[in-house]
C-alpha atoms as a PDB file:
ATOM      1  CA  MET A   1      83.757  61.916  78.184  1.00  0.00           C
ATOM      2  CA  SER A   2      84.845  58.562  79.646  1.00  0.00           C
ATOM      3  CA  ASN A   3      88.294  59.011  78.094  1.00  0.00           C
ATOM      4  CA  ASN A   4      88.595  62.414  79.777  1.00  0.00           C
ATOM      5  CA  ARG A   5      87.676  60.910  83.157  1.00  0.00           C
ATOM      6  CA  ALA A   6      90.167  58.090  82.653  1.00  0.00           C
ATOM      7  CA  GLY A   7      92.892  60.564  81.740  1.00  0.00           C
ATOM      8  CA  HIS A   8      92.097  62.692  84.783  1.00  0.00           C
ATOM      9  CA  ALA A   9      92.211  59.632  87.048  1.00  0.00           C
ATOM     10  CA  ALA A  10      95.542  58.553  85.558  1.00  0.00           C
ATOM     11  CA  LYS A  11      97.049  62.000  86.193  1.00  0.00           C
ATOM     12  CA  ILE A  12      95.921  61.860  89.828  1.00  0.00           C
ATOM     13  CA  ILE A  13      97.478  58.411  90.290  1.00  0.00           C
ATOM     14  CA  VAL A  14     100.792  59.527  88.772  1.00  0.00           C
ATOM     15  CA  HIS A  15     100.787  62.670  90.928  1.00  0.00           C
ATOM     16  CA  ARG A  16     100.198  60.640  94.108  1.00  0.00           C
ATOM     17  CA  ILE A  17     102.955  58.149  93.230  1.00  0.00           C
ATOM     18  CA  ARG A  18     105.459  60.970  92.640  1.00  0.00           C
ATOM     19  CA  GLN A  19     104.368  62.756  95.795  1.00  0.00           C
ATOM     20  CA  ASN A  20     104.717  59.666  97.993  1.00  0.00           C
ATOM     21  CA  TRP A  21     108.040  58.742  96.414  1.00  0.00           C
ATOM     22  CA  ARG A  22     109.426  62.202  97.199  1.00  0.00           C
ATOM     23  CA  TRP A  23     108.094  62.008 100.739  1.00  0.00           C
ATOM     24  CA  SER A  24     109.530  58.517 101.293  1.00  0.00           C
ATOM     25  CA  LYS A  25     113.006  59.814 100.440  1.00  0.00           C
ATOM     26  CA  ALA A  26     112.655  62.511 103.106  1.00  0.00           C
ATOM     27  CA  HIS A  27     111.251  60.091 105.703  1.00  0.00           C
ATOM     28  CA  SER A  28     110.881  56.316 105.201  1.00  0.00           C
ATOM     29  CA  TRP A  29     108.553  53.738 103.715  1.00  0.00           C
ATOM     30  CA  THR A  30     107.681  52.626 107.245  1.00  0.00           C
ATOM     31  CA  HIS A  31     106.314  56.087 108.003  1.00  0.00           C
ATOM     32  CA  LEU A  32     104.476  56.081 104.682  1.00  0.00           C
ATOM     33  CA  ILE A  33     102.772  52.774 105.537  1.00  0.00           C
ATOM     34  CA  GLU A  34     101.779  54.113 108.954  1.00  0.00           C
ATOM     35  CA  GLU A  35     100.509  57.408 107.559  1.00  0.00           C
ATOM     36  CA  HIS A  36      98.278  55.767 104.974  1.00  0.00           C
ATOM     37  CA  ASP A  37      97.228  52.957 107.331  1.00  0.00           C
ATOM     38  CA  LEU A  38      98.437  50.224 104.966  1.00  0.00           C
ATOM     39  CA  ASN A  39      99.458  47.575 107.526  1.00  0.00           C
ATOM     40  CA  PRO A  40      97.082  44.622 106.876  1.00  0.00           C
ATOM     41  CA  LEU A  41      97.568  43.184 110.377  1.00  0.00           C
ATOM     42  CA  VAL A  42      96.550  46.434 112.039  1.00  0.00           C
ATOM     43  CA  ARG A  43      93.587  46.847 109.709  1.00  0.00           C
ATOM     44  CA  GLY A  44      92.511  43.236 110.211  1.00  0.00           C
ATOM     45  CA  ARG A  45      92.550  43.384 114.022  1.00  0.00           C
ATOM     46  CA  ARG A  46      90.649  46.651 113.930  1.00  0.00           C
ATOM     47  CA  ALA A  47      87.965  45.225 111.629  1.00  0.00           C
ATOM     48  CA  LEU A  48      87.441  42.230 113.912  1.00  0.00           C
ATOM     49  CA  ARG A  49      87.050  44.434 116.998  1.00  0.00           C
ATOM     50  CA  LYS A  50      84.528  46.644 115.239  1.00  0.00           C
ATOM     51  CA  SER A  51      82.533  43.717 113.886  1.00  0.00           C
ATOM     52  CA  TRP A  52      82.254  42.248 117.381  1.00  0.00           C
ATOM     53  CA  TRP A  53      81.222  45.581 118.900  1.00  0.00           C
ATOM     54  CA  ARG A  54      78.554  46.173 116.252  1.00  0.00           C
ATOM     55  CA  LEU A  55      77.235  42.673 116.753  1.00  0.00           C
ATOM     56  CA  MET A  56      76.835  43.405 120.453  1.00  0.00           C
ATOM     57  CA  GLN A  57      75.176  46.738 119.707  1.00  0.00           C
ATOM     58  CA  ARG A  58      72.308  44.984 117.956  1.00  0.00           C
ATOM     59  CA  HIS A  59      70.926  44.158 121.388  1.00  0.00           C
ATOM     60  CA  HIS A  60      70.781  47.856 122.328  1.00  0.00           C
ATOM     61  CA  LYS A  61      68.870  50.729 120.817  1.00  0.00           C
ATOM     62  CA  ALA A  62      71.544  53.034 119.402  1.00  0.00           C
ATOM     63  CA  ALA A  63      71.262  56.614 118.198  1.00  0.00           C
ATOM     64  CA  ALA A  64      71.538  57.316 114.474  1.00  0.00           C
ATOM     65  CA  PRO A  65      75.127  57.721 113.217  1.00  0.00           C
ATOM     66  CA  ALA A  66      76.476  61.283 113.115  1.00  0.00           C
ATOM     67  CA  PRO A  67      79.228  62.807 110.946  1.00  0.00           C
ATOM     68  CA  LEU A  68      82.509  63.921 112.459  1.00  0.00           C
ATOM     69  CA  PHE A  69      84.669  66.253 110.347  1.00  0.00           C
ATOM     70  CA  LEU A  70      88.417  66.308 111.003  1.00  0.00           C
ATOM     71  CA  VAL A  71      89.651  69.590 109.542  1.00  0.00           C
ATOM     72  CA  GLY A  72      92.581  71.990 109.686  1.00  0.00           C
ATOM     73  CA  VAL A  73      95.758  72.329 107.626  1.00  0.00           C
ATOM     74  CA  GLN A  74      97.516  69.470 105.876  1.00  0.00           C
ATOM     75  CA  ARG A  75     100.528  67.987 107.732  1.00  0.00           C
ATOM     76  CA  SER A  76      99.034  68.796 111.149  1.00  0.00           C
ATOM     77  CA  GLY A  77      98.819  65.288 112.576  1.00  0.00           C
ATOM     78  CA  THR A  78      95.352  64.535 111.228  1.00  0.00           C
ATOM     79  CA  ASN A  79      96.329  61.047 110.083  1.00  0.00           C
ATOM     80  CA  LEU A  80      97.449  60.129 113.599  1.00  0.00           C
ATOM     81  CA  LEU A  81      94.180  61.439 115.029  1.00  0.00           C
ATOM     82  CA  ALA A  82      92.107  59.616 112.405  1.00  0.00           C
ATOM     83  CA  HIS A  83      93.952  56.334 112.989  1.00  0.00           C
ATOM     84  CA  GLY A  84      93.558  56.719 116.762  1.00  0.00           C
ATOM     85  CA  LEU A  85      89.811  57.272 116.514  1.00  0.00           C
ATOM     86  CA  ASP A  86      89.561  54.439 114.012  1.00  0.00           C
ATOM     87  CA  GLU A  87      90.811  52.111 116.758  1.00  0.00           C
ATOM     88  CA  LEU A  88      87.601  52.785 118.684  1.00  0.00           C
ATOM     89  CA  PRO A  89      84.616  50.676 117.601  1.00  0.00           C
ATOM     90  CA  GLU A  90      82.287  53.673 117.724  1.00  0.00           C
ATOM     91  CA  PHE A  91      83.961  55.151 114.626  1.00  0.00           C
ATOM     92  CA  GLN A  92      83.908  54.473 110.925  1.00  0.00           C
ATOM     93  CA  VAL A  93      86.548  56.439 109.009  1.00  0.00           C
ATOM     94  CA  TYR A  94      86.552  57.803 105.475  1.00  0.00           C
ATOM     95  CA  ASN A  95      89.989  59.268 104.886  1.00  0.00           C
ATOM     96  CA  GLU A  96      90.541  61.802 102.125  1.00  0.00           C
ATOM     97  CA  GLY A  97      91.738  59.141  99.702  1.00  0.00           C
ATOM     98  CA  ASN A  98      88.473  57.179  99.899  1.00  0.00           C
ATOM     99  CA  THR A  99      86.705  57.686  96.569  1.00  0.00           C
ATOM    100  CA  ARG A 100      83.243  57.004  97.992  1.00  0.00           C
ATOM    101  CA  ALA A 101      83.485  60.147 100.101  1.00  0.00           C
ATOM    102  CA  PHE A 102      86.075  62.216  98.207  1.00  0.00           C
ATOM    103  CA  ASP A 103      86.887  63.222  94.661  1.00  0.00           C
ATOM    104  CA  ASN A 104      90.569  64.146  94.355  1.00  0.00           C
ATOM    105  CA  TYR A 105      90.670  64.997  98.085  1.00  0.00           C
ATOM    106  CA  ARG A 106      87.552  67.223  97.895  1.00  0.00           C
ATOM    107  CA  ILE A 107      84.536  66.055  99.855  1.00  0.00           C
ATOM    108  CA  ARG A 108      81.654  64.930  97.686  1.00  0.00           C
ATOM    109  CA  ALA A 109      78.229  66.589  97.657  1.00  0.00           C
ATOM    110  CA  LEU A 110      76.733  66.676 101.134  1.00  0.00           C
ATOM    111  CA  PRO A 111      73.700  64.535 100.173  1.00  0.00           C
ATOM    112  CA  THR A 112      76.213  61.841  99.156  1.00  0.00           C
ATOM    113  CA  ILE A 113      77.955  62.213 102.517  1.00  0.00           C
ATOM    114  CA  LYS A 114      74.594  62.007 104.279  1.00  0.00           C
ATOM    115  CA  ALA A 115      73.890  58.692 102.576  1.00  0.00           C
ATOM    116  CA  LEU A 116      77.242  57.318 103.752  1.00  0.00           C
ATOM    117  CA  VAL A 117      76.520  58.472 107.299  1.00  0.00           C
ATOM    118  CA  GLU A 118      73.095  56.863 107.327  1.00  0.00           C
ATOM    119  CA  LYS A 119      74.572  53.555 106.150  1.00  0.00           C
ATOM    120  CA  GLY A 120      77.248  53.606 108.850  1.00  0.00           C
ATOM    121  CA  GLY A 121      76.965  51.213 111.753  1.00  0.00           C
ATOM    122  CA  ALA A 122      79.056  53.332 114.108  1.00  0.00           C
ATOM    123  CA  LYS A 123      78.213  56.214 116.438  1.00  0.00           C
ATOM    124  CA  PHE A 124      80.355  58.586 114.367  1.00  0.00           C
ATOM    125  CA  VAL A 125      81.298  58.447 110.709  1.00  0.00           C
ATOM    126  CA  LEU A 126      84.546  60.401 110.413  1.00  0.00           C
ATOM    127  CA  PHE A 127      85.509  62.334 107.296  1.00  0.00           C
ATOM    128  CA  LYS A 128      88.786  64.194 106.803  1.00  0.00           C
ATOM    129  CA  PRO A 129      87.969  67.032 104.368  1.00  0.00           C
ATOM    130  CA  LEU A 130      91.129  69.093 104.890  1.00  0.00           C
ATOM    131  CA  CYS A 131      90.777  70.747 101.486  1.00  0.00           C
ATOM    132  CA  ASP A 132      87.289  71.860 102.524  1.00  0.00           C
ATOM    133  CA  SER A 133      88.108  73.140 106.013  1.00  0.00           C
ATOM    134  CA  HIS A 134      86.745  76.545 104.989  1.00  0.00           C
ATOM    135  CA  ARG A 135      83.343  74.845 104.650  1.00  0.00           C
ATOM    136  CA  THR A 136      83.241  73.596 108.248  1.00  0.00           C
ATOM    137  CA  VAL A 137      80.274  75.790 109.215  1.00  0.00           C
ATOM    138  CA  GLU A 138      78.370  74.747 106.099  1.00  0.00           C
ATOM    139  CA  MET A 139      78.976  71.052 106.774  1.00  0.00           C
ATOM    140  CA  LEU A 140      77.994  71.238 110.438  1.00  0.00           C
ATOM    141  CA  ASP A 141      74.875  73.297 109.762  1.00  0.00           C
ATOM    142  CA  TYR A 142      73.789  70.950 106.987  1.00  0.00           C
ATOM    143  CA  PHE A 143      73.711  67.991 109.382  1.00  0.00           C
ATOM    144  CA  GLY A 144      72.897  69.770 112.616  1.00  0.00           C
ATOM    145  CA  PRO A 145      73.263  68.099 116.025  1.00  0.00           C
ATOM    146  CA  PRO A 146      74.927  65.775 116.853  1.00  0.00           C
ATOM    147  CA  ALA A 147      77.459  66.441 114.044  1.00  0.00           C
ATOM    148  CA  ARG A 148      80.878  67.490 115.354  1.00  0.00           C
ATOM    149  CA  ALA A 149      84.167  68.856 114.040  1.00  0.00           C
ATOM    150  CA  ILE A 150      87.765  68.675 115.229  1.00  0.00           C
ATOM    151  CA  TRP A 151      90.168  71.398 114.107  1.00  0.00           C
ATOM    152  CA  ALA A 152      93.736  70.049 114.343  1.00  0.00           C
ATOM    153  CA  TYR A 153      96.817  72.250 114.268  1.00  0.00           C
ATOM    154  CA  ARG A 154     100.506  71.996 115.094  1.00  0.00           C
ATOM    155  CA  SER A 155     103.551  74.235 115.491  1.00  0.00           C
ATOM    156  CA  VAL A 156     104.403  76.344 112.477  1.00  0.00           C
ATOM    157  CA  ASP A 157     107.877  74.912 111.893  1.00  0.00           C
ATOM    158  CA  GLY A 158     106.621  71.339 112.299  1.00  0.00           C
ATOM    159  CA  ARG A 159     103.997  71.887 109.640  1.00  0.00           C
ATOM    160  CA  VAL A 160     106.408  73.765 107.363  1.00  0.00           C
ATOM    161  CA  ARG A 161     109.078  71.055 107.462  1.00  0.00           C
ATOM    162  CA  SER A 162     106.564  68.309 106.806  1.00  0.00           C
ATOM    163  CA  ALA A 163     104.738  70.208 104.048  1.00  0.00           C
ATOM    164  CA  VAL A 164     107.891  71.165 102.149  1.00  0.00           C
ATOM    165  CA  ALA A 165     109.195  67.598 102.458  1.00  0.00           C
ATOM    166  CA  LYS A 166     106.020  66.122 100.982  1.00  0.00           C
ATOM    167  CA  PHE A 167     104.582  68.859  98.756  1.00  0.00           C
ATOM    168  CA  GLY A 168     107.703  70.810  97.771  1.00  0.00           C
ATOM    169  CA  ASP A 169     106.929  74.397  96.770  1.00  0.00           C
ATOM    170  CA  SER A 170     103.224  73.819  96.035  1.00  0.00           C
ATOM    171  CA  ASN A 171     102.100  76.454  98.565  1.00  0.00           C
ATOM    172  CA  LEU A 172     104.491  78.956  96.996  1.00  0.00           C
ATOM    173  CA  ARG A 173     103.230  78.309  93.477  1.00  0.00           C
ATOM    174  CA  VAL A 174      99.548  78.628  94.371  1.00  0.00           C
ATOM    175  CA  LEU A 175      99.984  81.769  96.490  1.00  0.00           C
ATOM    176  CA  ARG A 176     102.192  83.356  93.822  1.00  0.00           C
ATOM    177  CA  ALA A 177      99.523  82.746  91.179  1.00  0.00           C
ATOM    178  CA  PHE A 178      96.835  84.175  93.456  1.00  0.00           C
ATOM    179  CA  ALA A 179      98.861  87.286  94.315  1.00  0.00           C
ATOM    180  CA  ALA A 180      99.595  87.852  90.598  1.00  0.00           C
ATOM    181  CA  GLY A 181      95.904  87.741  89.753  1.00  0.00           C
ATOM    182  CA  GLU A 182      96.252  84.556  87.730  1.00  0.00           C
ATOM    183  CA  VAL A 183      93.522  82.889  89.780  1.00  0.00           C
ATOM    184  CA  GLN A 184      90.192  84.655  89.402  1.00  0.00           C
ATOM    185  CA  LYS A 185      86.720  83.981  90.779  1.00  0.00           C
ATOM    186  CA  PRO A 186      84.979  81.640  90.666  1.00  0.00           C
ATOM    187  CA  TRP A 187      87.905  80.013  92.413  1.00  0.00           C
ATOM    188  CA  ASN A 188      88.327  76.293  91.928  1.00  0.00           C
ATOM    189  CA  ILE A 189      91.626  75.968  93.780  1.00  0.00           C
ATOM    190  CA  TRP A 190      90.917  74.908  97.337  1.00  0.00           C
ATOM    191  CA  GLN A 191      94.060  76.538  98.777  1.00  0.00           C
ATOM    192  CA  ILE A 192      92.600  80.001  98.308  1.00  0.00           C
ATOM    193  CA  GLU A 193      88.919  79.278  98.811  1.00  0.00           C
ATOM    194  CA  GLY A 194      87.375  80.866 101.864  1.00  0.00           C
ATOM    195  CA  LEU A 195      90.129  83.447 102.258  1.00  0.00           C
ATOM    196  CA  SER A 196      89.099  86.471 104.294  1.00  0.00           C
ATOM    197  CA  ALA A 197      89.689  89.922 102.816  1.00  0.00           C
ATOM    198  CA  GLU A 198      92.395  90.472 105.431  1.00  0.00           C
ATOM    199  CA  SER A 199      94.243  87.261 104.580  1.00  0.00           C
ATOM    200  CA  ALA A 200      93.933  87.932 100.850  1.00  0.00           C
ATOM    201  CA  ALA A 201      95.395  91.429 101.252  1.00  0.00           C
ATOM    202  CA  PHE A 202      98.195  90.104 103.451  1.00  0.00           C
ATOM    203  CA  ILE A 203      99.111  87.475 100.853  1.00  0.00           C
ATOM    204  CA  ARG A 204      99.115  90.029  98.036  1.00  0.00           C
ATOM    205  CA  SER A 205     101.477  92.300  99.977  1.00  0.00           C
ATOM    206  CA  PHE A 206     104.455  89.978  99.366  1.00  0.00           C
ATOM    207  CA  ASP A 207     106.931  89.627  96.529  1.00  0.00           C
ATOM    208  CA  PHE A 208     106.683  85.924  95.745  1.00  0.00           C
ATOM    209  CA  ASN A 209     109.569  86.038  93.297  1.00  0.00           C
ATOM    210  CA  SER A 210     111.937  86.282  96.259  1.00  0.00           C
ATOM    211  CA  MET A 211     109.964  84.190  98.748  1.00  0.00           C
ATOM    212  CA  SER A 212     111.220  80.778  99.898  1.00  0.00           C
ATOM    213  CA  ALA A 213     109.097  77.620  99.935  1.00  0.00           C
ATOM    214  CA  GLU A 214     109.345  77.655 103.748  1.00  0.00           C
ATOM    215  CA  SER A 215     107.989  81.193 104.058  1.00  0.00           C
ATOM    216  CA  ALA A 216     105.119  80.352 101.705  1.00  0.00           C
ATOM    217  CA  ALA A 217     104.278  77.220 103.710  1.00  0.00           C
ATOM    218  CA  ALA A 218     104.218  79.315 106.889  1.00  0.00           C
ATOM    219  CA  LEU A 219     102.015  81.906 105.191  1.00  0.00           C
ATOM    220  CA  PHE A 220      99.663  79.121 104.147  1.00  0.00           C
ATOM    221  CA  TRP A 221      99.645  77.847 107.763  1.00  0.00           C
ATOM    222  CA  TYR A 222      98.547  81.318 108.831  1.00  0.00           C
ATOM    223  CA  ALA A 223      95.827  81.817 106.201  1.00  0.00           C
ATOM    224  CA  ARG A 224      94.187  78.434 106.753  1.00  0.00           C
ATOM    225  CA  ASN A 225      94.416  78.328 110.559  1.00  0.00           C
ATOM    226  CA  ALA A 226      93.099  81.903 110.758  1.00  0.00           C
ATOM    227  CA  LEU A 227      89.818  80.465 109.462  1.00  0.00           C
ATOM    228  CA  TYR A 228      89.235  78.888 112.873  1.00  0.00           C
ATOM    229  CA  PHE A 229      88.598  82.327 114.352  1.00  0.00           C
ATOM    230  CA  GLU A 230      87.321  84.022 111.194  1.00  0.00           C
ATOM    231  CA  LEU A 231      84.547  81.408 110.942  1.00  0.00           C
ATOM    232  CA  GLU A 232      83.934  81.827 114.691  1.00  0.00           C
ATOM    233  CA  LEU A 233      84.431  78.120 115.248  1.00  0.00           C
ATOM    234  CA  ASN A 234      85.806  79.012 118.676  1.00  0.00           C
ATOM    235  CA  ARG A 235      82.244  80.001 119.654  1.00  0.00           C
ATOM    236  CA  ARG A 236      80.658  76.706 118.618  1.00  0.00           C
ATOM    237  CA  PRO A 237      80.136  73.888 121.147  1.00  0.00           C
ATOM    238  CA  ASP A 238      80.206  71.337 118.315  1.00  0.00           C
ATOM    239  CA  VAL A 239      83.853  72.148 117.411  1.00  0.00           C
ATOM    240  CA  THR A 240      87.002  71.468 119.406  1.00  0.00           C
ATOM    241  CA  LEU A 241      90.674  72.258 118.882  1.00  0.00           C
ATOM    242  CA  ILE A 242      93.391  69.623 119.103  1.00  0.00           C
ATOM    243  CA  ASN A 243      97.069  70.555 119.352  1.00  0.00           C
ATOM    244  CA  TYR A 244      99.052  67.797 117.626  1.00  0.00           C
ATOM    245  CA  ASP A 245     102.232  68.623 119.564  1.00  0.00           C
ATOM    246  CA  GLU A 246     100.357  68.296 122.857  1.00  0.00           C
ATOM    247  CA  PHE A 247      98.844  65.032 121.643  1.00  0.00           C
ATOM    248  CA  LEU A 248     102.341  63.653 121.050  1.00  0.00           C
ATOM    249  CA  SER A 249     103.709  64.843 124.388  1.00  0.00           C
ATOM    250  CA  ASP A 250     100.720  63.853 126.561  1.00  0.00           C
ATOM    251  CA  PRO A 251      98.579  61.509 124.446  1.00  0.00           C
ATOM    252  CA  ARG A 252      96.391  60.104 127.215  1.00  0.00           C
ATOM    253  CA  ARG A 253      95.264  63.493 128.526  1.00  0.00           C
ATOM    254  CA  ILE A 254      94.414  64.768 125.037  1.00  0.00           C
ATOM    255  CA  ALA A 255      92.723  61.500 124.054  1.00  0.00           C
ATOM    256  CA  VAL A 256      90.594  61.509 127.213  1.00  0.00           C
ATOM    257  CA  GLY A 257      89.530  65.098 126.554  1.00  0.00           C
ATOM    258  CA  LEU A 258      88.691  64.308 122.939  1.00  0.00           C
ATOM    259  CA  CYS A 259      86.626  61.267 123.949  1.00  0.00           C
ATOM    260  CA  ARG A 260      84.680  63.404 126.433  1.00  0.00           C
ATOM    261  CA  PHE A 261      83.994  65.953 123.705  1.00  0.00           C
ATOM    262  CA  LEU A 262      82.629  63.134 121.546  1.00  0.00           C
ATOM    263  CA  ASP A 263      80.898  61.382 124.453  1.00  0.00           C
ATOM    264  CA  VAL A 264      82.541  58.012 123.811  1.00  0.00           C
ATOM    265  CA  PRO A 265      84.457  55.817 126.279  1.00  0.00           C
ATOM    266  CA  TYR A 266      88.232  56.272 126.295  1.00  0.00           C
ATOM    267  CA  ARG A 267      90.244  53.160 125.421  1.00  0.00           C
ATOM    268  CA  ASN A 268      94.014  52.723 125.497  1.00  0.00           C
ATOM    269  CA  ALA A 269      93.945  51.344 121.947  1.00  0.00           C
ATOM    270  CA  MET A 270      93.493  54.913 120.763  1.00  0.00           C
ATOM    271  CA  ILE A 271      97.065  55.844 121.728  1.00  0.00           C
ATOM    272  CA  ALA A 272      98.747  52.434 121.774  1.00  0.00           C
ATOM    273  CA  SER A 273     101.015  53.309 118.834  1.00  0.00           C
ATOM    274  CA  ILE A 274     102.158  56.658 120.262  1.00  0.00           C
ATOM    275  CA  ASP A 275     105.434  56.954 122.144  1.00  0.00           C
ATOM    276  CA  PRO A 276     104.982  60.112 124.261  1.00  0.00           C
ATOM    277  CA  ARG A 277     107.597  62.675 123.272  1.00  0.00           C
ATOM    278  CA  ARG A 278     108.191  66.373 123.223  1.00  0.00           C
ATOM    279  CA  PRO A 279     108.659  68.083 119.845  1.00  0.00           C
ATOM    280  CA  SER A 280     112.233  67.695 118.635  1.00  0.00           C
ATOM    281  CA  GLN A 281     114.499  70.690 119.093  1.00  0.00           C
ATOM    282  CA  ARG A 282     115.679  71.544 115.605  1.00  0.00           C
ATOM    283  CA  PRO A 283     117.233  74.719 114.231  1.00  0.00           C
ATOM    284  CA  PRO A 284     114.511  77.271 113.465  1.00  0.00           C
ATOM    285  CA  LEU A 285     113.577  77.835 109.857  1.00  0.00           C
ATOM    286  CA  PRO A 286     114.287  81.150 108.092  1.00  0.00           C
ATOM    287  CA  VAL A 287     110.851  82.650 107.552  1.00  0.00           C
ATOM    288  CA  ASP A 288     109.934  86.176 106.458  1.00  0.00           C
ATOM    289  CA  SER A 289     109.706  88.390 109.562  1.00  0.00           C
ATOM    290  CA  ARG A 290     106.179  89.667 108.826  1.00  0.00           C
ATOM    291  CA  ILE A 291     104.891  86.137 108.299  1.00  0.00           C
ATOM    292  CA  HIS A 292     106.669  85.013 111.451  1.00  0.00           C
ATOM    293  CA  GLU A 293     104.974  87.769 113.465  1.00  0.00           C
ATOM    294  CA  ARG A 294     101.498  86.855 112.202  1.00  0.00           C
ATOM    295  CA  CYS A 295     102.068  83.140 112.791  1.00  0.00           C
ATOM    296  CA  SER A 296     103.344  83.720 116.321  1.00  0.00           C
ATOM    297  CA  ALA A 297     100.313  85.799 117.281  1.00  0.00           C
ATOM    298  CA  LEU A 298      97.871  83.290 115.784  1.00  0.00           C
ATOM    299  CA  LYS A 299      99.662  80.357 117.428  1.00  0.00           C
ATOM    300  CA  GLU A 300      99.272  82.042 120.813  1.00  0.00           C
ATOM    301  CA  ARG A 301      95.537  82.494 120.226  1.00  0.00           C
ATOM    302  CA  LEU A 302      95.139  78.877 119.152  1.00  0.00           C
ATOM    303  CA  ASP A 303      97.154  77.611 122.121  1.00  0.00           C
ATOM    304  CA  ALA A 304      95.123  79.655 124.591  1.00  0.00           C
ATOM    305  CA  ALA A 305      91.789  78.549 123.114  1.00  0.00           C
ATOM    306  CA  CYS A 306      92.904  74.918 122.941  1.00  0.00           C
ATOM    307  CA  ALA A 307      94.185  74.921 126.517  1.00  0.00           C
ATOM    308  CA  ALA A 308      90.931  76.399 127.812  1.00  0.00           C
ATOM    309  CA  GLN A 309      88.825  73.859 125.935  1.00  0.00           C
ATOM    310  CA  MET A 310      90.935  70.906 127.003  1.00  0.00           C
ATOM    311  CA  ALA A 311      90.963  72.062 130.620  1.00  0.00           C
ATOM    312  CA  GLN A 312      87.172  72.238 130.596  1.00  0.00           C
ATOM    313  CA  LEU A 313      86.933  68.738 129.135  1.00  0.00           C
ATOM    314  CA  THR A 314      89.426  67.174 131.526  1.00  0.00           C
ATOM    315  CA  GLY A 315      88.511  69.176 134.629  1.00  0.00           C
ATOM    316  CA  GLU A 316      91.864  70.959 134.849  1.00  0.00           C
ATOM    317  CA  ARG A 317      92.479  74.581 135.630  1.00  0.00           C
ATOM    318  CA  ALA A 318      92.738  76.512 132.394  1.00  0.00           C
ATOM    319  CA  ALA A 319      94.300  79.719 133.683  1.00  0.00           C
ATOM    320  CA  VAL A 320      97.942  78.640 133.787  1.00  0.00           C
ATOM    321  CA  ARG A 321      97.928  76.911 130.417  1.00  0.00           C
ATOM    322  CA  ALA A 322      95.950  79.627 128.678  1.00  0.00           C
ATOM    323  CA  ALA A 323      98.119  82.395 130.061  1.00  0.00           C
ATOM    324  CA  SER A 324     101.362  80.743 129.028  1.00  0.00           C
ATOM    325  CA  PRO A 325     101.022  79.513 125.429  1.00  0.00           C
ATOM    326  CA  ARG A 326     104.023  77.727 124.032  1.00  0.00           C
ATOM    327  CA  PRO A 327     105.868  80.055 121.629  1.00  0.00           C
ATOM    328  CA  THR A 328     106.504  78.985 118.077  1.00  0.00           C
ATOM    329  CA  THR A 329     110.056  78.094 117.117  1.00  0.00           C
ATOM    330  CA  VAL A 330     109.972  79.444 113.581  1.00  0.00           C
ATOM    331  CA  ALA A 331     112.694  82.065 113.215  1.00  0.00           C
ATOM    332  CA  ALA A 332     112.042  85.417 111.641  1.00  0.00           C
ATOM    333  CA  HIS A 333     113.998  86.188 108.515  1.00  0.00           C
ATOM    334  CA  PRO A 334     114.285  89.837 107.525  1.00  0.00           C
END
């Protein structure tokens, strides 16, 4: 049994090394270090600030730590959000590579997570269970108030470019196997867990033998982000939406709104590493026209809901932003 576990662990390590090597060729090692928060100077300064804050908190009666789940679709800016919140002393972060909280990127049993939360010395203990985003309601209901969740999303083409660069055609391979009936219940492949009947039927309606990796990545963007509305997370006061593209273009406004949602003081350290910028204007990707149509409609719904929530948090007027969602730049491909 121990040999099987060792072999499984070795396969995971090899897979991660290959994955990061492929991604580094598409981007750079500097970006890889930033994404995985590997800079020892940054980590050291952060640890000192948190130790000092927690020492000061001993003189005040603090509420019990609460879990915060950062969910959504991979390659949607969740690392930037996690690192930003990790700069605040009120947060302790367990990223998806932390083996105490995750097993091969899947969140461990909720009683195990509860024990980690109870041991935390921060106001929020953040977990990033992206592979378990379909379980957001289950996780929040298990802990109850004051547990919170953040659903992060970004433009379709931004996610597609990043996903294909790092994961290759993995979305295509999984969706092809699902559509061909090669993956049967009980499902143990997170990419297709939690699929609604509508999303499952939509996926099965395509010929994956002629589909590109980009179209499959866009289809995956649709199926996973559709869960936000299918799970009725938009009706829950303990869940908020964060638009990664808006966070990049106006980091202070989004960070202030997020801190108000979490009821923690805003600090500039949260966005110190972000150079405000608009999304780059790149040629649109060729994506199947039916997938493009679904993604565009869902993006508009997400943008409108996000704008309304953020306006409420920051005291802005929501009408203009909600009525004029930014269109996606993914091109339809017949």
